Amino acid sequence: MDASDFPNLRPSRNDDFICKAETHAIIGCAFEVLNELGHGLNEKLYENALTLEFKRHGMAFDQQRRFEVLYKGEPIGEFIPDLIAGGQVVVDAKTIDRITDHERGQMLNYLRITKLPVGLLLNFKHAKLEFERIVLSKHR
């Protein structure tokens, strides 16, 4: 598997972006899930299938890990992302018409809360997997 397997993935100019191997592996797992399940099902089904695919590939992950949310230094609740893969990548499985600025903005907030460097939005709505890699600018 190499970058040519992921035509939507736009590497940085020096092709040395953060969590490159992890994001490639996660996207490969997402393709496997889409090929097996098909498109347009409930998001939770894709999340659960991804965990099985991660296990098959020996990838470490957390499902529904809890993160404290602070407001001006005070705890106000918890954020529970679907998946954290490889200890560094927030993975959000979606079944939406298309990834928009709304989802990109949400992922940026997820990264700020979790203090993780990279997020992957995976959209299983259509026959062709749509995905976007989101990085906080301070991690670039």
N, C-alpha and C. Protein backbone atom coordinates (compact mmCIF):
# COMPACT_ATOMS: atom_id res chain seq x y z
N MET A 1 0.84 -1.17 0.00
CA MET A 1 0.00 0.00 0.00
C MET A 1 0.89 1.24 0.00
N ASP A 2 0.62 2.20 -0.90
CA ASP A 2 1.38 3.44 -0.91
C ASP A 2 0.44 4.60 -1.23
N ALA A 3 0.97 5.80 -1.38
CA ALA A 3 0.16 6.99 -1.60
C ALA A 3 -0.73 6.89 -2.84
N SER A 4 -0.32 6.13 -3.84
CA SER A 4 -1.13 6.00 -5.05
C SER A 4 -2.44 5.25 -4.77
N ASP A 5 -2.49 4.50 -3.67
CA ASP A 5 -3.72 3.83 -3.27
C ASP A 5 -4.74 4.80 -2.69
N PHE A 6 -4.32 6.02 -2.40
CA PHE A 6 -5.17 7.03 -1.76
C PHE A 6 -5.15 8.32 -2.57
N PRO A 7 -5.89 8.38 -3.68
CA PRO A 7 -5.83 9.55 -4.55
C PRO A 7 -6.30 10.85 -3.89
N ASN A 8 -7.12 10.78 -2.84
CA ASN A 8 -7.60 12.00 -2.17
C ASN A 8 -6.64 12.52 -1.12
N LEU A 9 -5.62 11.74 -0.79
CA LEU A 9 -4.67 12.14 0.23
C LEU A 9 -3.63 13.06 -0.40
N ARG A 10 -3.54 14.27 0.12
CA ARG A 10 -2.59 15.24 -0.41
C ARG A 10 -1.44 15.39 0.56
N PRO A 11 -0.29 14.77 0.28
CA PRO A 11 0.84 14.88 1.20
C PRO A 11 1.42 16.29 1.22
N SER A 12 2.09 16.61 2.30
CA SER A 12 2.76 17.91 2.37
C SER A 12 3.88 17.96 1.34
N ARG A 13 4.43 19.15 1.14
CA ARG A 13 5.46 19.34 0.11
C ARG A 13 6.64 18.40 0.27
N ASN A 14 7.04 18.16 1.53
CA ASN A 14 8.20 17.28 1.74
C ASN A 14 7.80 15.83 1.98
N ASP A 15 6.50 15.52 1.87
CA ASP A 15 5.98 14.16 2.01
C ASP A 15 6.37 13.54 3.34
N ASP A 16 6.59 14.38 4.36
CA ASP A 16 6.98 13.89 5.67
C ASP A 16 6.02 14.45 6.71
N PHE A 17 4.73 14.15 6.54
CA PHE A 17 3.75 14.72 7.46
C PHE A 17 3.55 13.83 8.68
N ILE A 18 3.05 14.45 9.73
CA ILE A 18 2.90 13.80 11.02
C ILE A 18 1.90 12.63 10.94
N CYS A 19 2.24 11.53 11.55
CA CYS A 19 1.40 10.33 11.61
C CYS A 19 1.10 9.75 10.22
N LYS A 20 2.02 9.88 9.31
CA LYS A 20 1.82 9.41 7.92
C LYS A 20 1.49 7.92 7.89
N ALA A 21 2.29 7.10 8.53
CA ALA A 21 2.06 5.65 8.50
C ALA A 21 0.73 5.29 9.14
N GLU A 22 0.42 5.94 10.25
CA GLU A 22 -0.83 5.66 10.96
C GLU A 22 -2.05 6.02 10.10
N THR A 23 -2.01 7.22 9.49
CA THR A 23 -3.17 7.63 8.69
C THR A 23 -3.33 6.74 7.47
N HIS A 24 -2.24 6.33 6.85
CA HIS A 24 -2.33 5.41 5.71
C HIS A 24 -2.96 4.09 6.13
N ALA A 25 -2.53 3.57 7.29
CA ALA A 25 -3.06 2.30 7.77
C ALA A 25 -4.55 2.42 8.10
N ILE A 26 -4.95 3.52 8.73
CA ILE A 26 -6.35 3.74 9.08
C ILE A 26 -7.21 3.84 7.83
N ILE A 27 -6.74 4.58 6.85
CA ILE A 27 -7.49 4.72 5.60
C ILE A 27 -7.59 3.37 4.89
N GLY A 28 -6.52 2.59 4.93
CA GLY A 28 -6.58 1.25 4.36
C GLY A 28 -7.63 0.39 5.04
N CYS A 29 -7.71 0.49 6.36
CA CYS A 29 -8.74 -0.23 7.11
C CYS A 29 -10.14 0.25 6.71
N ALA A 30 -10.29 1.55 6.53
CA ALA A 30 -11.59 2.10 6.13
C ALA A 30 -12.02 1.57 4.76
N PHE A 31 -11.07 1.45 3.83
CA PHE A 31 -11.39 0.87 2.52
C PHE A 31 -11.86 -0.58 2.68
N GLU A 32 -11.18 -1.33 3.55
CA GLU A 32 -11.58 -2.71 3.80
C GLU A 32 -13.01 -2.79 4.33
N VAL A 33 -13.31 -1.91 5.29
CA VAL A 33 -14.65 -1.88 5.89
C VAL A 33 -15.70 -1.54 4.83
N LEU A 34 -15.44 -0.53 4.03
CA LEU A 34 -16.39 -0.13 3.00
C LEU A 34 -16.58 -1.26 1.98
N ASN A 35 -15.51 -1.90 1.59
CA ASN A 35 -15.61 -3.01 0.63
C ASN A 35 -16.44 -4.16 1.19
N GLU A 36 -16.33 -4.40 2.48
CA GLU A 36 -17.04 -5.52 3.10
C GLU A 36 -18.50 -5.19 3.42
N LEU A 37 -18.74 -4.02 4.02
CA LEU A 37 -20.09 -3.66 4.46
C LEU A 37 -20.92 -2.95 3.40
N GLY A 38 -20.26 -2.29 2.48
CA GLY A 38 -20.99 -1.42 1.56
C GLY A 38 -21.20 -0.06 2.20
N HIS A 39 -21.93 0.80 1.53
CA HIS A 39 -22.07 2.18 1.99
C HIS A 39 -23.47 2.48 2.52
N GLY A 40 -23.55 3.58 3.30
CA GLY A 40 -24.83 4.12 3.73
C GLY A 40 -25.45 3.53 4.97
N LEU A 41 -24.75 2.69 5.71
CA LEU A 41 -25.29 2.13 6.94
C LEU A 41 -25.13 3.11 8.10
N ASN A 42 -25.51 2.70 9.28
CA ASN A 42 -25.39 3.51 10.48
C ASN A 42 -23.92 3.71 10.84
N GLU A 43 -23.58 4.92 11.31
CA GLU A 43 -22.19 5.25 11.65
C GLU A 43 -21.58 4.29 12.67
N LYS A 44 -22.37 3.87 13.65
CA LYS A 44 -21.86 2.98 14.70
C LYS A 44 -21.39 1.65 14.12
N LEU A 45 -22.05 1.17 13.07
CA LEU A 45 -21.62 -0.07 12.43
C LEU A 45 -20.23 0.08 11.83
N TYR A 46 -19.96 1.22 11.21
CA TYR A 46 -18.63 1.45 10.63
C TYR A 46 -17.58 1.61 11.73
N GLU A 47 -17.94 2.30 12.79
CA GLU A 47 -17.03 2.44 13.93
C GLU A 47 -16.64 1.06 14.48
N ASN A 48 -17.64 0.20 14.71
CA ASN A 48 -17.38 -1.13 15.25
C ASN A 48 -16.58 -1.98 14.27
N ALA A 49 -16.89 -1.88 12.98
CA ALA A 49 -16.14 -2.63 11.98
C ALA A 49 -14.69 -2.16 11.91
N LEU A 50 -14.48 -0.86 12.06
CA LEU A 50 -13.11 -0.34 12.07
C LEU A 50 -12.31 -0.93 13.23
N THR A 51 -12.94 -1.09 14.40
CA THR A 51 -12.21 -1.67 15.53
C THR A 51 -11.77 -3.10 15.21
N LEU A 52 -12.63 -3.85 14.53
CA LEU A 52 -12.25 -5.22 14.15
C LEU A 52 -11.11 -5.21 13.13
N GLU A 53 -11.18 -4.28 12.20
CA GLU A 53 -10.12 -4.17 11.18
C GLU A 53 -8.81 -3.73 11.82
N PHE A 54 -8.89 -2.79 12.78
CA PHE A 54 -7.68 -2.36 13.49
C PHE A 54 -7.05 -3.56 14.21
N LYS A 55 -7.87 -4.39 14.87
CA LYS A 55 -7.36 -5.58 15.55
C LYS A 55 -6.67 -6.51 14.55
N ARG A 56 -7.30 -6.74 13.40
CA ARG A 56 -6.72 -7.62 12.37
C ARG A 56 -5.35 -7.14 11.93
N HIS A 57 -5.15 -5.82 11.95
CA HIS A 57 -3.88 -5.24 11.49
C HIS A 57 -2.92 -4.96 12.66
N GLY A 58 -3.30 -5.37 13.86
CA GLY A 58 -2.43 -5.17 15.01
C GLY A 58 -2.27 -3.71 15.41
N MET A 59 -3.27 -2.90 15.10
CA MET A 59 -3.20 -1.47 15.40
C MET A 59 -3.82 -1.19 16.77
N ALA A 60 -3.10 -0.49 17.60
CA ALA A 60 -3.62 -0.09 18.90
C ALA A 60 -4.73 0.94 18.70
N PHE A 61 -5.77 0.86 19.54
CA PHE A 61 -6.85 1.83 19.45
C PHE A 61 -7.61 1.89 20.76
N ASP A 62 -8.33 2.98 20.95
CA ASP A 62 -9.27 3.14 22.06
C ASP A 62 -10.62 3.47 21.44
N GLN A 63 -11.67 2.87 21.97
CA GLN A 63 -13.02 3.19 21.53
C GLN A 63 -13.74 3.85 22.69
N GLN A 64 -14.34 5.01 22.42
CA GLN A 64 -15.12 5.75 23.41
C GLN A 64 -14.29 6.17 24.64
N ARG A 65 -13.03 6.56 24.41
CA ARG A 65 -12.17 7.06 25.49
C ARG A 65 -12.69 8.42 25.94
N ARG A 66 -12.63 8.69 27.21
CA ARG A 66 -13.18 9.93 27.78
C ARG A 66 -12.08 10.99 27.96
N PHE A 67 -12.43 12.23 27.61
CA PHE A 67 -11.53 13.36 27.78
C PHE A 67 -12.29 14.47 28.51
N GLU A 68 -11.65 15.03 29.52
CA GLU A 68 -12.26 16.12 30.27
C GLU A 68 -12.25 17.40 29.42
N VAL A 69 -13.35 18.13 29.44
CA VAL A 69 -13.46 19.42 28.74
C VAL A 69 -13.40 20.52 29.79
N LEU A 70 -12.50 21.48 29.54
CA LEU A 70 -12.33 22.59 30.48
C LEU A 70 -12.82 23.89 29.86
N TYR A 71 -13.37 24.73 30.70
CA TYR A 71 -13.73 26.09 30.30
C TYR A 71 -13.02 27.02 31.27
N LYS A 72 -12.09 27.81 30.74
CA LYS A 72 -11.29 28.72 31.56
C LYS A 72 -10.67 27.98 32.75
N GLY A 73 -10.18 26.78 32.46
CA GLY A 73 -9.49 25.99 33.46
C GLY A 73 -10.39 25.15 34.36
N GLU A 74 -11.69 25.28 34.21
CA GLU A 74 -12.62 24.54 35.06
C GLU A 74 -13.29 23.42 34.27
N PRO A 75 -13.40 22.22 34.87
CA PRO A 75 -14.07 21.12 34.15
C PRO A 75 -15.56 21.40 33.97
N ILE A 76 -16.04 21.15 32.76
CA ILE A 76 -17.46 21.36 32.47
C ILE A 76 -18.14 20.12 31.89
N GLY A 77 -17.38 19.06 31.68
CA GLY A 77 -17.97 17.84 31.14
C GLY A 77 -16.92 17.00 30.46
N GLU A 78 -17.42 16.08 29.64
CA GLU A 78 -16.54 15.15 28.95
C GLU A 78 -16.80 15.15 27.45
N PHE A 79 -15.76 14.85 26.71
CA PHE A 79 -15.88 14.60 25.27
C PHE A 79 -15.46 13.15 25.07
N ILE A 80 -16.24 12.41 24.29
CA ILE A 80 -15.96 10.99 24.06
C ILE A 80 -15.90 10.74 22.55
N PRO A 81 -14.69 10.78 21.98
CA PRO A 81 -14.57 10.51 20.54
C PRO A 81 -14.83 9.05 20.24
N ASP A 82 -15.27 8.79 19.01
CA ASP A 82 -15.54 7.40 18.58
C ASP A 82 -14.30 6.55 18.75
N LEU A 83 -13.22 6.94 18.09
CA LEU A 83 -12.01 6.12 18.07
C LEU A 83 -10.75 6.98 18.16
N ILE A 84 -9.76 6.46 18.86
CA ILE A 84 -8.40 7.00 18.84
C ILE A 84 -7.54 5.85 18.33
N ALA A 85 -6.88 6.05 17.20
CA ALA A 85 -6.06 4.99 16.61
C ALA A 85 -4.58 5.32 16.76
N GLY A 86 -3.82 4.31 17.11
CA GLY A 86 -2.38 4.48 17.26
C GLY A 86 -2.00 5.46 18.34
N GLY A 87 -2.91 5.78 19.23
CA GLY A 87 -2.64 6.72 20.31
C GLY A 87 -2.46 8.15 19.87
N GLN A 88 -2.66 8.45 18.55
CA GLN A 88 -2.37 9.79 18.04
C GLN A 88 -3.43 10.35 17.11
N VAL A 89 -4.33 9.52 16.61
CA VAL A 89 -5.24 9.96 15.55
C VAL A 89 -6.69 9.80 16.01
N VAL A 90 -7.43 10.91 16.04
CA VAL A 90 -8.87 10.87 16.30
C VAL A 90 -9.54 10.44 15.01
N VAL A 91 -10.34 9.38 15.07
CA VAL A 91 -11.02 8.86 13.89
C VAL A 91 -12.52 9.04 14.08
N ASP A 92 -13.16 9.70 13.11
CA ASP A 92 -14.59 9.96 13.19
C ASP A 92 -15.27 9.37 11.96
N ALA A 93 -16.03 8.30 12.17
CA ALA A 93 -16.78 7.65 11.09
C ALA A 93 -18.09 8.40 10.88
N LYS A 94 -18.38 8.74 9.64
CA LYS A 94 -19.58 9.50 9.28
C LYS A 94 -20.36 8.79 8.18
N THR A 95 -21.65 9.08 8.10
CA THR A 95 -22.47 8.74 6.93
C THR A 95 -23.29 9.99 6.61
N ILE A 96 -22.64 10.93 5.97
CA ILE A 96 -23.23 12.22 5.63
C ILE A 96 -23.08 12.45 4.12
N ASP A 97 -23.83 13.41 3.59
CA ASP A 97 -23.76 13.66 2.15
C ASP A 97 -22.36 14.00 1.69
N ARG A 98 -21.68 14.87 2.45
CA ARG A 98 -20.29 15.20 2.14
C ARG A 98 -19.66 15.86 3.36
N ILE A 99 -18.35 15.79 3.44
CA ILE A 99 -17.61 16.45 4.53
C ILE A 99 -17.59 17.94 4.25
N THR A 100 -18.00 18.73 5.25
CA THR A 100 -18.07 20.18 5.09
C THR A 100 -17.22 20.87 6.16
N ASP A 101 -17.22 22.20 6.12
CA ASP A 101 -16.50 22.97 7.13
C ASP A 101 -17.03 22.68 8.54
N HIS A 102 -18.28 22.33 8.65
CA HIS A 102 -18.85 21.98 9.96
C HIS A 102 -18.09 20.81 10.59
N GLU A 103 -17.92 19.73 9.83
CA GLU A 103 -17.20 18.56 10.33
C GLU A 103 -15.72 18.87 10.54
N ARG A 104 -15.14 19.67 9.66
CA ARG A 104 -13.73 20.06 9.83
C ARG A 104 -13.55 20.85 11.13
N GLY A 105 -14.48 21.78 11.39
CA GLY A 105 -14.43 22.57 12.62
C GLY A 105 -14.60 21.71 13.85
N GLN A 106 -15.53 20.76 13.79
CA GLN A 106 -15.70 19.83 14.91
C GLN A 106 -14.41 19.08 15.18
N MET A 107 -13.78 18.58 14.12
CA MET A 107 -12.55 17.81 14.30
C MET A 107 -11.45 18.67 14.92
N LEU A 108 -11.34 19.91 14.52
CA LEU A 108 -10.34 20.81 15.13
C LEU A 108 -10.60 20.93 16.63
N ASN A 109 -11.87 21.05 17.01
CA ASN A 109 -12.20 21.09 18.44
C ASN A 109 -11.85 19.78 19.13
N TYR A 110 -12.10 18.65 18.46
CA TYR A 110 -11.75 17.35 19.03
C TYR A 110 -10.25 17.27 19.28
N LEU A 111 -9.47 17.78 18.33
CA LEU A 111 -8.01 17.74 18.48
C LEU A 111 -7.56 18.64 19.62
N ARG A 112 -8.17 19.80 19.75
CA ARG A 112 -7.81 20.70 20.86
C ARG A 112 -8.11 20.05 22.21
N ILE A 113 -9.27 19.40 22.31
CA ILE A 113 -9.66 18.77 23.58
C ILE A 113 -8.77 17.59 23.91
N THR A 114 -8.51 16.73 22.92
CA THR A 114 -7.73 15.52 23.17
C THR A 114 -6.23 15.77 23.21
N LYS A 115 -5.82 16.93 22.67
CA LYS A 115 -4.40 17.27 22.54
C LYS A 115 -3.65 16.27 21.66
N LEU A 116 -4.37 15.69 20.70
CA LEU A 116 -3.77 14.78 19.73
C LEU A 116 -3.49 15.54 18.44
N PRO A 117 -2.51 15.09 17.67
CA PRO A 117 -2.06 15.89 16.53
C PRO A 117 -2.89 15.78 15.26
N VAL A 118 -3.58 14.65 15.05
CA VAL A 118 -4.20 14.40 13.74
C VAL A 118 -5.61 13.84 13.92
N GLY A 119 -6.49 14.24 13.01
CA GLY A 119 -7.83 13.67 12.96
C GLY A 119 -8.13 13.17 11.55
N LEU A 120 -8.90 12.11 11.47
CA LEU A 120 -9.36 11.60 10.17
C LEU A 120 -10.87 11.55 10.17
N LEU A 121 -11.46 12.22 9.18
CA LEU A 121 -12.89 12.12 8.93
C LEU A 121 -13.08 11.08 7.84
N LEU A 122 -13.88 10.07 8.12
CA LEU A 122 -14.12 8.99 7.17
C LEU A 122 -15.62 8.96 6.87
N ASN A 123 -15.99 9.20 5.62
CA ASN A 123 -17.41 9.25 5.25
C ASN A 123 -17.77 8.01 4.44
N PHE A 124 -18.64 7.18 5.01
CA PHE A 124 -19.05 5.93 4.41
C PHE A 124 -20.42 6.03 3.71
N LYS A 125 -20.89 7.22 3.44
CA LYS A 125 -22.23 7.41 2.87
C LYS A 125 -22.34 6.87 1.44
N HIS A 126 -21.28 7.03 0.66
CA HIS A 126 -21.33 6.71 -0.77
C HIS A 126 -20.43 5.51 -1.09
N ALA A 127 -20.56 5.00 -2.29
CA ALA A 127 -19.78 3.84 -2.72
C ALA A 127 -18.28 4.12 -2.72
N LYS A 128 -17.90 5.38 -2.89
CA LYS A 128 -16.49 5.77 -2.85
C LYS A 128 -16.21 6.43 -1.50
N LEU A 129 -15.24 5.91 -0.77
CA LEU A 129 -14.89 6.46 0.54
C LEU A 129 -14.43 7.90 0.39
N GLU A 130 -14.99 8.79 1.20
CA GLU A 130 -14.52 10.18 1.27
C GLU A 130 -13.79 10.30 2.60
N PHE A 131 -12.60 10.89 2.57
CA PHE A 131 -11.86 11.07 3.81
C PHE A 131 -11.08 12.36 3.76
N GLU A 132 -10.87 12.91 4.94
CA GLU A 132 -10.03 14.11 5.07
C GLU A 132 -9.19 13.98 6.32
N ARG A 133 -7.98 14.41 6.19
CA ARG A 133 -7.00 14.42 7.27
C ARG A 133 -6.93 15.85 7.80
N ILE A 134 -7.12 16.01 9.10
CA ILE A 134 -7.12 17.33 9.74
C ILE A 134 -5.97 17.39 10.73
N VAL A 135 -5.20 18.47 10.68
CA VAL A 135 -4.06 18.66 11.59
C VAL A 135 -4.17 20.06 12.19
N LEU A 136 -3.97 20.16 13.49
CA LEU A 136 -3.88 21.48 14.12
C LEU A 136 -2.62 22.17 13.60
N SER A 137 -2.71 23.43 13.30
CA SER A 137 -1.58 24.15 12.71
C SER A 137 -0.33 24.10 13.58
N LYS A 138 -0.49 24.06 14.90
CA LYS A 138 0.69 23.99 15.78
C LYS A 138 1.44 22.68 15.65
N HIS A 139 0.80 21.64 15.05
CA HIS A 139 1.45 20.34 14.87
C HIS A 139 2.07 20.19 13.50
N ARG A 140 1.89 21.15 12.61
CA ARG A 140 2.41 21.04 11.25
C ARG A 140 3.88 21.27 11.19
